[in-house]
Amino acid sequence: MKNIISSKNFGYYPTHPGGILKDELKCRKIKDIDFSKQIEIDYSVLKNILNKKSPITAEIAILIETVLNIDATIWINLQSRYDLQIATKSKRLINKVEKIRKKVKERELSNN
């Protein structure tokens, strides 16, 4: 049985895609407020993404692609990878996974 928790221990602090987007905007000399207007979202929504407080959703990824010409799947993959990294560091999830594994093992043993 593959150990998803330990096999996904990346050994570094995960990078939120909002931080990458913030760097990209800076490199292109695009102001946050201008970018929020270009992709037609509320400035507070963009600020939360850039400050790593909110995720990049599929809809926002498509809007980013439209303006920056960076494929939306890149943003979604970055977000998914970030979410997975955060989840694998969750003590609550680790405990839950171990509890479920124990039940599965017990069930397998009783079926043999």
N, C-alpha and C. Protein backbone atom coordinates (compact mmCIF):
# COMPACT_ATOMS: atom_id res chain seq x y z
N MET A 1 0.85 -1.17 0.00
CA MET A 1 0.00 0.00 0.00
C MET A 1 0.90 1.25 0.00
N LYS A 2 0.64 2.13 -0.89
CA LYS A 2 1.44 3.36 -0.99
C LYS A 2 1.12 4.29 0.18
N ASN A 3 2.17 4.83 0.76
CA ASN A 3 2.01 5.74 1.89
C ASN A 3 1.98 7.17 1.37
N ILE A 4 0.78 7.69 1.13
CA ILE A 4 0.63 9.02 0.52
C ILE A 4 1.21 10.11 1.40
N ILE A 5 1.08 9.98 2.70
CA ILE A 5 1.57 11.03 3.59
C ILE A 5 3.09 11.09 3.55
N SER A 6 3.77 9.99 3.82
CA SER A 6 5.23 10.05 3.86
C SER A 6 5.85 10.17 2.47
N SER A 7 5.20 9.63 1.46
CA SER A 7 5.78 9.71 0.11
C SER A 7 5.65 11.10 -0.48
N LYS A 8 4.79 11.93 0.10
CA LYS A 8 4.61 13.28 -0.41
C LYS A 8 5.28 14.32 0.48
N ASN A 9 6.16 13.90 1.37
CA ASN A 9 6.88 14.84 2.22
C ASN A 9 7.96 15.49 1.38
N PHE A 10 7.70 16.69 0.93
CA PHE A 10 8.54 17.35 -0.06
C PHE A 10 9.83 17.92 0.51
N GLY A 11 9.91 18.08 1.84
CA GLY A 11 11.13 18.53 2.45
C GLY A 11 11.41 20.02 2.32
N TYR A 12 10.46 20.78 1.88
CA TYR A 12 10.61 22.23 1.78
C TYR A 12 9.24 22.85 1.98
N TYR A 13 9.25 24.13 2.28
CA TYR A 13 7.99 24.81 2.49
C TYR A 13 7.30 25.04 1.15
N PRO A 14 6.05 24.67 1.03
CA PRO A 14 5.34 24.81 -0.24
C PRO A 14 5.23 26.27 -0.71
N THR A 15 5.24 26.45 -2.01
CA THR A 15 5.13 27.77 -2.62
C THR A 15 3.70 28.00 -3.10
N HIS A 16 3.07 29.01 -2.56
CA HIS A 16 1.71 29.36 -2.98
C HIS A 16 1.80 30.00 -4.38
N PRO A 17 0.93 29.61 -5.30
CA PRO A 17 0.98 30.19 -6.64
C PRO A 17 0.73 31.69 -6.67
N GLY A 18 0.10 32.22 -5.63
CA GLY A 18 -0.09 33.67 -5.55
C GLY A 18 1.25 34.40 -5.47
N GLY A 19 2.21 33.80 -4.79
CA GLY A 19 3.54 34.38 -4.71
C GLY A 19 4.23 34.39 -6.06
N ILE A 20 4.00 33.35 -6.82
CA ILE A 20 4.57 33.26 -8.18
C ILE A 20 3.92 34.31 -9.07
N LEU A 21 2.60 34.44 -8.96
CA LEU A 21 1.89 35.45 -9.74
C LEU A 21 2.38 36.85 -9.37
N LYS A 22 2.59 37.10 -8.10
CA LYS A 22 3.09 38.40 -7.64
C LYS A 22 4.44 38.72 -8.28
N ASP A 23 5.33 37.72 -8.31
CA ASP A 23 6.64 37.89 -8.95
C ASP A 23 6.51 38.15 -10.45
N GLU A 24 5.58 37.44 -11.07
CA GLU A 24 5.36 37.60 -12.52
C GLU A 24 4.88 39.01 -12.84
N LEU A 25 3.95 39.50 -12.05
CA LEU A 25 3.44 40.86 -12.27
C LEU A 25 4.56 41.88 -12.07
N LYS A 26 5.37 41.67 -11.07
CA LYS A 26 6.49 42.58 -10.79
C LYS A 26 7.48 42.59 -11.96
N CYS A 27 7.80 41.40 -12.48
CA CYS A 27 8.73 41.30 -13.63
C CYS A 27 8.18 42.01 -14.86
N ARG A 28 6.88 41.95 -15.02
CA ARG A 28 6.25 42.59 -16.18
C ARG A 28 5.88 44.05 -15.91
N LYS A 29 6.21 44.53 -14.72
CA LYS A 29 5.91 45.90 -14.32
C LYS A 29 4.42 46.23 -14.42
N ILE A 30 3.61 45.27 -13.98
CA ILE A 30 2.15 45.44 -13.96
C ILE A 30 1.73 45.66 -12.51
N LYS A 31 1.07 46.76 -12.24
CA LYS A 31 0.59 47.04 -10.89
C LYS A 31 -0.59 46.12 -10.56
N ASP A 32 -0.65 45.73 -9.31
CA ASP A 32 -1.73 44.83 -8.85
C ASP A 32 -3.11 45.38 -9.21
N ILE A 33 -3.31 46.63 -8.93
CA ILE A 33 -4.62 47.25 -9.17
C ILE A 33 -4.97 47.24 -10.66
N ASP A 34 -3.96 47.48 -11.50
CA ASP A 34 -4.17 47.44 -12.95
C ASP A 34 -4.51 46.04 -13.42
N PHE A 35 -3.81 45.06 -12.85
CA PHE A 35 -4.06 43.68 -13.24
C PHE A 35 -5.46 43.24 -12.84
N SER A 36 -5.90 43.64 -11.65
CA SER A 36 -7.25 43.27 -11.21
C SER A 36 -8.29 43.85 -12.17
N LYS A 37 -8.02 45.04 -12.68
CA LYS A 37 -8.94 45.64 -13.66
C LYS A 37 -8.88 44.89 -14.98
N GLN A 38 -7.68 44.49 -15.39
CA GLN A 38 -7.53 43.77 -16.66
C GLN A 38 -8.27 42.44 -16.65
N ILE A 39 -8.20 41.73 -15.52
CA ILE A 39 -8.88 40.43 -15.47
C ILE A 39 -10.30 40.55 -14.88
N GLU A 40 -10.69 41.79 -14.60
CA GLU A 40 -12.05 42.11 -14.16
C GLU A 40 -12.48 41.36 -12.91
N ILE A 41 -11.59 41.40 -11.89
CA ILE A 41 -11.97 40.88 -10.58
C ILE A 41 -11.73 41.99 -9.55
N ASP A 42 -12.41 41.86 -8.44
CA ASP A 42 -12.26 42.84 -7.36
C ASP A 42 -10.80 42.83 -6.88
N TYR A 43 -10.30 44.02 -6.62
CA TYR A 43 -8.91 44.16 -6.18
C TYR A 43 -8.64 43.36 -4.91
N SER A 44 -9.60 43.31 -4.00
CA SER A 44 -9.40 42.57 -2.74
C SER A 44 -9.22 41.07 -3.00
N VAL A 45 -9.90 40.55 -4.00
CA VAL A 45 -9.75 39.13 -4.37
C VAL A 45 -8.32 38.87 -4.84
N LEU A 46 -7.84 39.74 -5.74
CA LEU A 46 -6.47 39.58 -6.23
C LEU A 46 -5.46 39.72 -5.10
N LYS A 47 -5.66 40.72 -4.23
CA LYS A 47 -4.74 40.94 -3.11
C LYS A 47 -4.65 39.70 -2.23
N ASN A 48 -5.79 39.07 -1.97
CA ASN A 48 -5.79 37.85 -1.15
C ASN A 48 -5.01 36.72 -1.82
N ILE A 49 -5.09 36.63 -3.13
CA ILE A 49 -4.32 35.62 -3.86
C ILE A 49 -2.83 35.96 -3.76
N LEU A 50 -2.48 37.20 -4.06
CA LEU A 50 -1.07 37.61 -4.05
C LEU A 50 -0.46 37.50 -2.64
N ASN A 51 -1.29 37.68 -1.62
CA ASN A 51 -0.81 37.57 -0.24
C ASN A 51 -0.94 36.15 0.31
N LYS A 52 -1.22 35.20 -0.58
CA LYS A 52 -1.25 33.77 -0.25
C LYS A 52 -2.35 33.41 0.74
N LYS A 53 -3.44 34.15 0.69
CA LYS A 53 -4.57 33.90 1.59
C LYS A 53 -5.71 33.19 0.89
N SER A 54 -5.74 33.26 -0.44
CA SER A 54 -6.80 32.62 -1.22
C SER A 54 -6.18 31.84 -2.37
N PRO A 55 -6.86 30.79 -2.81
CA PRO A 55 -6.33 29.99 -3.91
C PRO A 55 -6.61 30.62 -5.28
N ILE A 56 -5.86 30.15 -6.25
CA ILE A 56 -6.15 30.49 -7.64
C ILE A 56 -7.15 29.44 -8.14
N THR A 57 -8.36 29.88 -8.39
CA THR A 57 -9.42 28.98 -8.86
C THR A 57 -9.27 28.76 -10.36
N ALA A 58 -10.02 27.81 -10.88
CA ALA A 58 -10.00 27.56 -12.33
C ALA A 58 -10.41 28.80 -13.10
N GLU A 59 -11.44 29.48 -12.62
CA GLU A 59 -11.92 30.68 -13.30
C GLU A 59 -10.83 31.77 -13.32
N ILE A 60 -10.19 31.98 -12.19
CA ILE A 60 -9.13 33.01 -12.12
C ILE A 60 -7.96 32.60 -12.99
N ALA A 61 -7.63 31.30 -13.00
CA ALA A 61 -6.52 30.81 -13.83
C ALA A 61 -6.77 31.13 -15.31
N ILE A 62 -8.01 30.98 -15.75
CA ILE A 62 -8.35 31.29 -17.14
C ILE A 62 -8.21 32.78 -17.41
N LEU A 63 -8.62 33.59 -16.45
CA LEU A 63 -8.48 35.05 -16.61
C LEU A 63 -7.01 35.45 -16.65
N ILE A 64 -6.20 34.84 -15.80
CA ILE A 64 -4.75 35.12 -15.80
C ILE A 64 -4.15 34.73 -17.15
N GLU A 65 -4.53 33.56 -17.65
CA GLU A 65 -4.03 33.11 -18.95
C GLU A 65 -4.38 34.11 -20.05
N THR A 66 -5.58 34.64 -19.99
CA THR A 66 -6.05 35.57 -21.01
C THR A 66 -5.17 36.81 -21.12
N VAL A 67 -4.70 37.29 -19.97
CA VAL A 67 -3.89 38.51 -19.96
C VAL A 67 -2.39 38.22 -20.05
N LEU A 68 -1.91 37.23 -19.31
CA LEU A 68 -0.46 36.99 -19.24
C LEU A 68 0.04 35.93 -20.24
N ASN A 69 -0.91 35.23 -20.87
CA ASN A 69 -0.56 34.17 -21.82
C ASN A 69 0.27 33.05 -21.16
N ILE A 70 -0.06 32.77 -19.90
CA ILE A 70 0.52 31.62 -19.20
C ILE A 70 -0.63 30.64 -19.01
N ASP A 71 -0.48 29.46 -19.57
CA ASP A 71 -1.55 28.47 -19.61
C ASP A 71 -2.23 28.29 -18.25
N ALA A 72 -3.55 28.27 -18.26
CA ALA A 72 -4.33 28.13 -17.03
C ALA A 72 -4.00 26.84 -16.29
N THR A 73 -3.66 25.79 -17.02
CA THR A 73 -3.34 24.52 -16.36
C THR A 73 -2.09 24.63 -15.49
N ILE A 74 -1.19 25.51 -15.84
CA ILE A 74 0.00 25.73 -15.01
C ILE A 74 -0.42 26.25 -13.64
N TRP A 75 -1.32 27.25 -13.64
CA TRP A 75 -1.78 27.83 -12.37
C TRP A 75 -2.55 26.81 -11.55
N ILE A 76 -3.38 26.02 -12.21
CA ILE A 76 -4.17 25.00 -11.50
C ILE A 76 -3.25 23.92 -10.93
N ASN A 77 -2.25 23.51 -11.71
CA ASN A 77 -1.30 22.51 -11.23
C ASN A 77 -0.50 23.03 -10.04
N LEU A 78 -0.07 24.29 -10.12
CA LEU A 78 0.65 24.89 -8.99
C LEU A 78 -0.22 24.92 -7.74
N GLN A 79 -1.49 25.30 -7.92
CA GLN A 79 -2.41 25.36 -6.79
C GLN A 79 -2.66 23.97 -6.21
N SER A 80 -2.87 22.99 -7.08
CA SER A 80 -3.13 21.63 -6.62
C SER A 80 -1.93 21.07 -5.87
N ARG A 81 -0.76 21.30 -6.39
CA ARG A 81 0.46 20.83 -5.74
C ARG A 81 0.64 21.50 -4.37
N TYR A 82 0.38 22.79 -4.32
CA TYR A 82 0.45 23.52 -3.05
C TYR A 82 -0.55 22.94 -2.05
N ASP A 83 -1.78 22.74 -2.49
CA ASP A 83 -2.83 22.21 -1.62
C ASP A 83 -2.43 20.82 -1.09
N LEU A 84 -1.88 19.99 -1.96
CA LEU A 84 -1.45 18.65 -1.55
C LEU A 84 -0.32 18.73 -0.53
N GLN A 85 0.62 19.63 -0.77
CA GLN A 85 1.74 19.78 0.17
C GLN A 85 1.24 20.23 1.54
N ILE A 86 0.33 21.17 1.55
CA ILE A 86 -0.23 21.65 2.82
C ILE A 86 -1.00 20.53 3.52
N ALA A 87 -1.79 19.80 2.76
CA ALA A 87 -2.59 18.71 3.34
C ALA A 87 -1.70 17.63 3.97
N THR A 88 -0.59 17.30 3.31
CA THR A 88 0.26 16.24 3.84
C THR A 88 1.01 16.67 5.10
N LYS A 89 0.99 17.94 5.42
CA LYS A 89 1.63 18.43 6.65
C LYS A 89 0.62 18.58 7.79
N SER A 90 -0.64 18.31 7.50
CA SER A 90 -1.71 18.47 8.49
C SER A 90 -1.70 17.30 9.48
N LYS A 91 -1.49 17.61 10.75
CA LYS A 91 -1.50 16.56 11.78
C LYS A 91 -2.87 15.88 11.84
N ARG A 92 -3.92 16.66 11.67
CA ARG A 92 -5.27 16.11 11.68
C ARG A 92 -5.44 15.06 10.58
N LEU A 93 -4.96 15.40 9.38
CA LEU A 93 -5.08 14.47 8.26
C LEU A 93 -4.19 13.25 8.47
N ILE A 94 -2.98 13.45 8.96
CA ILE A 94 -2.07 12.32 9.21
C ILE A 94 -2.71 11.35 10.19
N ASN A 95 -3.30 11.88 11.26
CA ASN A 95 -3.97 11.02 12.24
C ASN A 95 -5.15 10.28 11.62
N LYS A 96 -5.92 10.97 10.80
CA LYS A 96 -7.08 10.36 10.16
C LYS A 96 -6.64 9.25 9.20
N VAL A 97 -5.59 9.51 8.42
CA VAL A 97 -5.08 8.51 7.48
C VAL A 97 -4.60 7.27 8.23
N GLU A 98 -3.87 7.48 9.32
CA GLU A 98 -3.38 6.35 10.10
C GLU A 98 -4.54 5.54 10.68
N LYS A 99 -5.57 6.21 11.15
CA LYS A 99 -6.75 5.54 11.69
C LYS A 99 -7.43 4.69 10.61
N ILE A 100 -7.57 5.26 9.42
CA ILE A 100 -8.21 4.54 8.31
C ILE A 100 -7.34 3.35 7.89
N ARG A 101 -6.02 3.56 7.81
CA ARG A 101 -5.12 2.46 7.45
C ARG A 101 -5.25 1.30 8.42
N LYS A 102 -5.34 1.61 9.69
CA LYS A 102 -5.47 0.58 10.71
C LYS A 102 -6.74 -0.22 10.48
N LYS A 103 -7.84 0.47 10.20
CA LYS A 103 -9.11 -0.22 9.95
C LYS A 103 -9.03 -1.09 8.70
N VAL A 104 -8.38 -0.56 7.65
CA VAL A 104 -8.24 -1.32 6.40
C VAL A 104 -7.41 -2.58 6.65
N LYS A 105 -6.32 -2.44 7.39
CA LYS A 105 -5.46 -3.57 7.68
C LYS A 105 -6.21 -4.62 8.49
N GLU A 106 -6.97 -4.17 9.49
CA GLU A 106 -7.75 -5.09 10.30
C GLU A 106 -8.78 -5.84 9.45
N ARG A 107 -9.41 -5.11 8.53
CA ARG A 107 -10.41 -5.72 7.65
C ARG A 107 -9.75 -6.76 6.73
N GLU A 108 -8.56 -6.40 6.21
CA GLU A 108 -7.84 -7.33 5.33
C GLU A 108 -7.44 -8.59 6.08
N LEU A 109 -6.98 -8.44 7.33
CA LEU A 109 -6.58 -9.58 8.12
C LEU A 109 -7.77 -10.48 8.46
N SER A 110 -8.91 -9.88 8.72
CA SER A 110 -10.11 -10.67 9.05
C SER A 110 -10.67 -11.39 7.85
N ASN A 111 -10.36 -10.90 6.64
CA ASN A 111 -10.84 -11.53 5.41
C ASN A 111 -9.94 -12.68 4.96
N ASN A 112 -8.78 -12.80 5.57
CA ASN A 112 -7.83 -13.88 5.18
C ASN A 112 -7.99 -15.10 6.01
